[in-house]
Structures are given as structure tokens and as C-alpha cells.
Protein backbone atom coordinates (compact mmCIF):
# COMPACT_ATOMS: atom_id res chain seq x y z
CA MET A 1 32.21 -55.27 22.08
CA LYS A 2 35.53 -53.72 22.64
CA LYS A 3 36.07 -51.28 25.48
CA ALA A 4 36.98 -48.43 23.07
CA THR A 5 33.81 -48.94 20.97
CA LYS A 6 31.66 -48.84 24.11
CA GLY A 7 33.33 -45.59 25.20
CA ILE A 8 32.84 -43.93 21.80
CA LEU A 9 29.20 -45.07 21.72
CA ALA A 10 28.60 -43.69 25.26
CA ILE A 11 30.16 -40.33 24.35
CA ALA A 12 28.06 -40.14 21.16
CA ILE A 13 24.81 -40.84 23.05
CA VAL A 14 25.61 -38.26 25.75
CA GLY A 15 26.57 -35.69 23.06
CA MET A 16 23.34 -36.23 21.13
CA GLY A 17 21.36 -35.85 24.37
CA VAL A 18 23.05 -32.54 25.16
CA PHE A 19 22.55 -31.31 21.57
CA ALA A 20 18.85 -32.31 21.55
CA SER A 21 18.15 -30.60 24.89
CA GLN A 22 19.79 -27.37 23.66
CA ALA A 23 17.83 -27.45 20.41
CA MET A 24 14.55 -27.87 22.30
CA ALA A 25 15.41 -25.06 24.73
CA ASP A 26 16.19 -22.67 21.84
CA GLY A 27 12.81 -23.40 20.22
CA VAL A 28 10.83 -22.22 23.27
CA SER A 29 10.32 -18.47 22.97
CA GLY A 30 7.77 -17.82 25.67
CA VAL A 31 4.12 -18.20 26.46
CA PRO A 32 1.73 -16.83 23.82
CA GLY A 33 0.45 -13.45 24.99
CA SER A 34 3.45 -12.75 27.23
CA ALA A 35 6.01 -9.99 26.67
CA ASP A 36 8.24 -12.54 24.92
CA ASP A 37 5.50 -13.58 22.46
CA PRO A 38 2.77 -10.92 22.20
CA VAL A 39 -0.54 -11.71 20.53
CA VAL A 40 -2.19 -8.83 18.63
CA THR A 41 -5.40 -8.58 16.67
CA LYS A 42 -5.71 -7.61 13.02
CA SER A 43 -7.64 -4.47 13.95
CA TYR A 44 -4.78 -3.35 16.21
CA VAL A 45 -2.24 -3.89 13.43
CA ASP A 46 -4.46 -2.01 10.94
CA GLN A 47 -4.84 0.85 13.41
CA GLN A 48 -1.07 1.10 13.89
CA ILE A 49 -0.50 1.07 10.12
CA GLN A 50 -3.02 3.89 9.66
CA LYS A 51 -1.29 5.87 12.41
CA ALA A 52 2.08 5.38 10.72
CA LEU A 53 0.67 6.49 7.34
CA GLY A 54 -0.80 9.66 8.79
CA GLY A 55 -4.30 8.30 9.27
CA GLY A 56 -7.25 8.33 6.93
CA ALA A 57 -9.95 9.32 9.38
CA GLY A 58 -10.81 12.92 10.10
CA THR A 59 -9.00 14.44 7.12
CA GLY A 60 -11.97 16.39 5.76
CA GLY A 61 -13.31 13.96 3.19
CA ALA A 62 -9.95 12.70 2.02
CA SER A 63 -9.30 8.99 1.82
CA VAL A 64 -6.09 7.02 1.98
CA SER A 65 -5.67 4.02 -0.26
CA THR A 66 -2.75 1.80 0.68
CA GLY A 67 -3.53 -0.66 -2.11
CA LEU A 68 -5.33 0.05 -5.35
CA THR A 69 -8.89 1.28 -4.84
CA VAL A 70 -11.41 1.71 -7.64
CA VAL A 71 -13.13 5.11 -7.50
CA GLU A 72 -16.20 5.95 -9.59
CA LEU A 73 -16.06 9.43 -11.10
CA HIS A 74 -19.50 10.84 -11.98
CA PRO A 75 -20.32 13.95 -14.05
CA GLY A 76 -19.69 17.13 -12.08
CA GLN A 77 -17.16 15.49 -9.74
CA THR A 78 -13.40 16.04 -9.65
CA LEU A 79 -10.94 13.52 -8.25
CA TYR A 80 -8.04 15.30 -6.54
CA GLY A 81 -4.80 13.57 -5.63
CA PHE A 82 -2.24 14.50 -3.03
CA GLU A 83 1.54 14.28 -3.27
CA GLY A 84 2.59 10.78 -4.35
CA THR A 85 -0.90 9.60 -5.34
CA GLU A 86 -1.15 7.39 -8.43
CA PHE A 87 -4.11 7.15 -10.83
CA ILE A 88 -4.92 4.65 -13.58
CA VAL A 89 -7.97 5.44 -15.71
CA ARG A 90 -9.72 2.16 -16.51
CA THR A 91 -12.94 3.35 -18.19
CA GLY A 92 -14.48 6.61 -19.32
CA LYS A 93 -13.36 9.82 -21.01
CA VAL A 94 -11.26 11.76 -18.53
CA GLN A 95 -9.21 14.96 -18.70
CA ALA A 96 -6.41 16.31 -16.54
CA VAL A 97 -6.94 19.03 -13.94
CA ALA A 98 -3.82 21.16 -13.49
CA GLY A 99 -2.49 22.35 -10.15
CA ASP A 100 -2.80 25.84 -8.68
CA LYS A 101 0.21 27.09 -10.69
CA GLY A 102 -0.84 25.39 -13.92
CA ASP A 103 1.40 22.35 -13.45
CA GLY A 104 0.01 19.16 -14.92
CA LEU A 105 -0.08 15.48 -14.06
CA THR A 106 2.86 13.22 -14.84
CA ASP A 107 1.95 10.47 -17.32
CA ILE A 108 4.57 7.89 -16.39
CA THR A 109 3.52 5.52 -19.17
CA ASP A 110 4.22 8.05 -21.96
CA GLY A 111 6.79 10.12 -20.09
CA LYS A 112 4.78 13.32 -20.63
CA ASP A 113 3.28 16.12 -18.60
CA LEU A 114 -0.50 16.37 -19.04
CA ARG A 115 -1.60 20.01 -18.91
CA ALA A 116 -5.08 21.24 -17.96
CA GLY A 117 -7.78 19.77 -20.18
CA ALA A 118 -5.53 17.15 -21.78
CA GLN A 119 -7.24 13.84 -22.61
CA VAL A 120 -6.00 11.03 -20.35
CA ALA A 121 -5.41 7.73 -22.14
CA ALA A 122 -6.86 4.57 -20.61
CA ASN A 123 -4.53 2.30 -18.63
CA HIS A 124 -1.79 4.92 -18.26
CA LEU A 125 -0.11 5.37 -14.88
CA LEU A 126 -0.39 8.98 -13.67
CA LEU A 127 1.50 10.50 -10.74
CA ILE A 128 0.58 13.55 -8.66
CA ALA A 129 3.81 15.40 -7.84
CA ARG A 130 2.46 17.92 -5.29
CA SER A 131 -0.65 18.50 -3.20
CA ASP A 132 -1.86 21.53 -5.20
CA ASN A 133 -5.32 20.53 -6.44
CA ARG A 134 -4.22 18.36 -9.38
CA GLY A 135 -6.57 15.66 -10.46
CA LEU A 136 -9.04 14.28 -12.97
CA ARG A 137 -12.54 15.12 -14.17
CA LEU A 138 -14.84 13.79 -16.87
CA ASN A 139 -14.74 15.39 -20.30
CA ALA A 140 -17.53 17.94 -20.79
CA ASN A 141 -19.18 15.88 -23.56
CA TYR A 142 -19.06 12.58 -21.64
CA ASN A 143 -22.10 11.70 -19.50
CA GLY A 144 -21.04 8.25 -18.30
CA VAL A 145 -19.14 7.09 -15.24
CA ALA A 146 -15.36 6.67 -15.22
CA HIS A 147 -13.57 4.08 -13.11
CA ILE A 148 -10.20 5.20 -11.76
CA MET A 149 -7.79 3.00 -9.84
CA VAL A 150 -6.14 5.03 -7.06
CA ARG A 151 -3.16 4.38 -4.79
CA GLY A 152 -2.51 7.02 -2.13
CA LYS A 153 -4.41 9.89 -0.57
CA TYR A 154 -7.26 11.35 -2.64
CA GLU A 155 -10.38 13.48 -2.36
CA LEU A 156 -13.55 13.37 -4.44
CA ARG A 157 -15.44 16.70 -4.72
């Protein structure tokens, strides 16, 4: 081999060695469990999420649903939502419960305001605008159980 080819080959090998050692050093981010790479449990993460959302425990019977939760509504019960809560009636005959000032629920599907006593259509997305005792209850002539999907903070009384 020529002297120039040997020199180029030597430089290429040394360059690849330097590049490979740098790439391996960048991939090491610390020992698992250390400050550089902390290990946490699922329960710790769930606890921190609940803290960030305002917590669901100790709120006087209220529950927080971060995903969609199915709630069974029985005769005599009223499902109250808080500000930002979403409802979807899946089964049953349900009517709207207006807020303290007579304001209704927002039916996002139809783009309407449902006043007190208005029949709620199945599979419509409803939004609670304020925490002022707005919610849902079964129609007076319906004795079955309604299934309501809920996202957000709610209370069943």
C-alpha cells in the first residue's frame, strides 16, 4: 500500500474511535435511582397528578374523573357537575337541572342551552359552565337507571 493510503486509513480509524467513544459517553445518563435518573412508582405519579388537579379526596363526596367515568343515576338522585365538567347520557330518560340563577346546561352537540326540566337527548355532549348546582336527574315518570359518562369533578346526591 502507498504511504498516503496508510495515513488516510490510520486517520479514519482514529476518527471513528473518537466518534464512537463520544457517542457511548453521551448515551450514559446516570445510575437508575440517582438524581440524574430518578425512579418513581406509579402510585407516586398518580398522587402528584391528583395534587396538581386539586385532589379528589376529602372534597365532601365529590369525585374527580380525569378520564371518562360511567356513573349510574338512580331514581331520587341528582348528578351535579362543577365548572368544566362534561356529561354524556348513554341510557335512560334524563332531564336538566338548572343552576342557582336558572341557567341551564350547554348542549354542545346541538348548540343549545338546556333549561330546567328539559329532556336531555342520548349521546349528546353537555358542558357545565359554572359550579352553581347544575346537573342531571331522572325524569319523574322514569323508574329505571340511567348511565352517564362523566369527565371532571362531580357529586351524586
